[in-house]
Amino acid sequence: MEELATTVTIADRPYHLRVAPENVEIIRKAAKLINALINDYSLKYDYQDKQDLLAMVALSYTTNALNSEAQLSSIDKKIIDKLTTIDKVLEDRI
Protein backbone atom coordinates (compact mmCIF):
# COMPACT_ATOMS: atom_id res chain seq x y z
CA MET A 1 0.00 0.00 0.00
CA GLU A 2 1.28 3.42 -0.91
CA GLU A 3 1.96 5.87 1.89
CA LEU A 4 1.63 9.62 1.73
CA ALA A 5 4.15 12.09 3.10
CA THR A 6 2.58 14.49 5.56
CA THR A 7 3.83 16.89 8.19
CA VAL A 8 2.20 17.62 11.52
CA THR A 9 3.35 20.13 14.08
CA ILE A 10 3.21 19.20 17.75
CA ALA A 11 4.41 21.59 20.43
CA ASP A 12 5.85 23.91 17.77
CA ARG A 13 7.97 21.11 16.28
CA PRO A 14 7.27 19.69 12.82
CA TYR A 15 7.19 15.93 12.33
CA HIS A 16 7.47 14.51 8.83
CA LEU A 17 5.56 11.26 8.54
CA ARG A 18 4.66 8.69 5.93
CA VAL A 19 1.19 7.30 6.58
CA ALA A 20 -1.49 5.34 4.78
CA PRO A 21 -3.83 7.67 2.87
CA GLU A 22 -6.79 6.67 5.05
CA ASN A 23 -4.87 7.74 8.18
CA VAL A 24 -3.80 11.24 7.11
CA GLU A 25 -6.86 13.01 8.48
CA ILE A 26 -6.85 11.07 11.74
CA ILE A 27 -3.15 11.92 12.24
CA ARG A 28 -3.88 15.60 11.63
CA LYS A 29 -6.84 15.50 14.00
CA ALA A 30 -4.72 13.80 16.67
CA ALA A 31 -2.01 16.45 16.35
CA LYS A 32 -4.65 19.18 16.60
CA LEU A 33 -6.09 17.63 19.78
CA ILE A 34 -2.62 17.24 21.30
CA ASN A 35 -1.79 20.88 20.56
CA ALA A 36 -5.11 22.03 22.04
CA LEU A 37 -4.41 20.11 25.24
CA ILE A 38 -0.86 21.48 25.38
CA ASN A 39 -2.28 24.98 25.05
CA ASP A 40 -4.87 24.30 27.73
CA TYR A 41 -2.24 22.96 30.15
CA SER A 42 0.08 25.88 29.41
CA LEU A 43 -2.65 28.27 30.57
CA LYS A 44 -3.48 26.31 33.72
CA TYR A 45 -0.10 25.17 35.03
CA ASP A 46 3.41 26.47 35.53
CA TYR A 47 5.91 24.60 33.42
CA GLN A 48 9.61 24.69 32.68
CA ASP A 49 9.43 23.71 29.02
CA LYS A 50 7.20 22.00 26.45
CA GLN A 51 8.46 18.61 27.65
CA ASP A 52 6.49 19.11 30.88
CA LEU A 53 3.35 19.84 28.88
CA LEU A 54 3.92 16.85 26.59
CA ALA A 55 4.30 14.62 29.65
CA MET A 56 0.96 15.88 30.99
CA VAL A 57 -0.70 15.25 27.62
CA ALA A 58 0.75 11.72 27.50
CA LEU A 59 -0.47 11.07 31.05
CA SER A 60 -3.93 12.41 30.25
CA TYR A 61 -4.39 10.37 27.07
CA THR A 62 -2.93 7.22 28.60
CA THR A 63 -5.21 7.51 31.63
CA ASN A 64 -8.22 7.96 29.35
CA ALA A 65 -7.16 4.98 27.23
CA LEU A 66 -6.76 2.75 30.29
CA ASN A 67 -10.15 3.83 31.65
CA SER A 68 -11.77 3.13 28.29
CA GLU A 69 -10.08 -0.26 28.12
CA ALA A 70 -11.38 -1.15 31.59
CA GLN A 71 -14.91 -0.07 30.64
CA LEU A 72 -14.82 -2.13 27.44
CA SER A 73 -13.56 -5.14 29.35
CA SER A 74 -16.43 -4.78 31.81
CA ILE A 75 -18.95 -4.46 28.98
CA ASP A 76 -17.44 -7.50 27.23
CA LYS A 77 -17.78 -9.53 30.43
CA LYS A 78 -21.43 -8.53 30.81
CA ILE A 79 -22.17 -9.42 27.19
CA ILE A 80 -20.43 -12.80 27.54
CA ASP A 81 -22.38 -13.50 30.75
CA LYS A 82 -25.70 -12.65 29.04
CA LEU A 83 -24.85 -14.73 25.97
CA THR A 84 -23.89 -17.65 28.20
CA THR A 85 -27.23 -17.35 29.99
CA ILE A 86 -29.13 -17.20 26.68
CA ASP A 87 -27.15 -20.18 25.37
CA LYS A 88 -28.00 -22.19 28.47
CA VAL A 89 -31.71 -21.34 28.18
CA LEU A 90 -31.69 -22.39 24.52
CA GLU A 91 -29.86 -25.64 25.28
CA ASP A 92 -32.37 -26.46 28.03
CA ARG A 93 -35.24 -26.03 25.54
CA ILE A 94 -33.73 -28.35 22.96
Foldseek 3Di string as FASTA:
>chain_A
DAWDWDWAAAQNRIDIDTGHPVCPVVVNVVRVVRNVQLVVCVVVDDDDGSVVSNVVSVVVVVVVVVVVVVVVVVVVVVVVVVVVVVVVVVVVVD
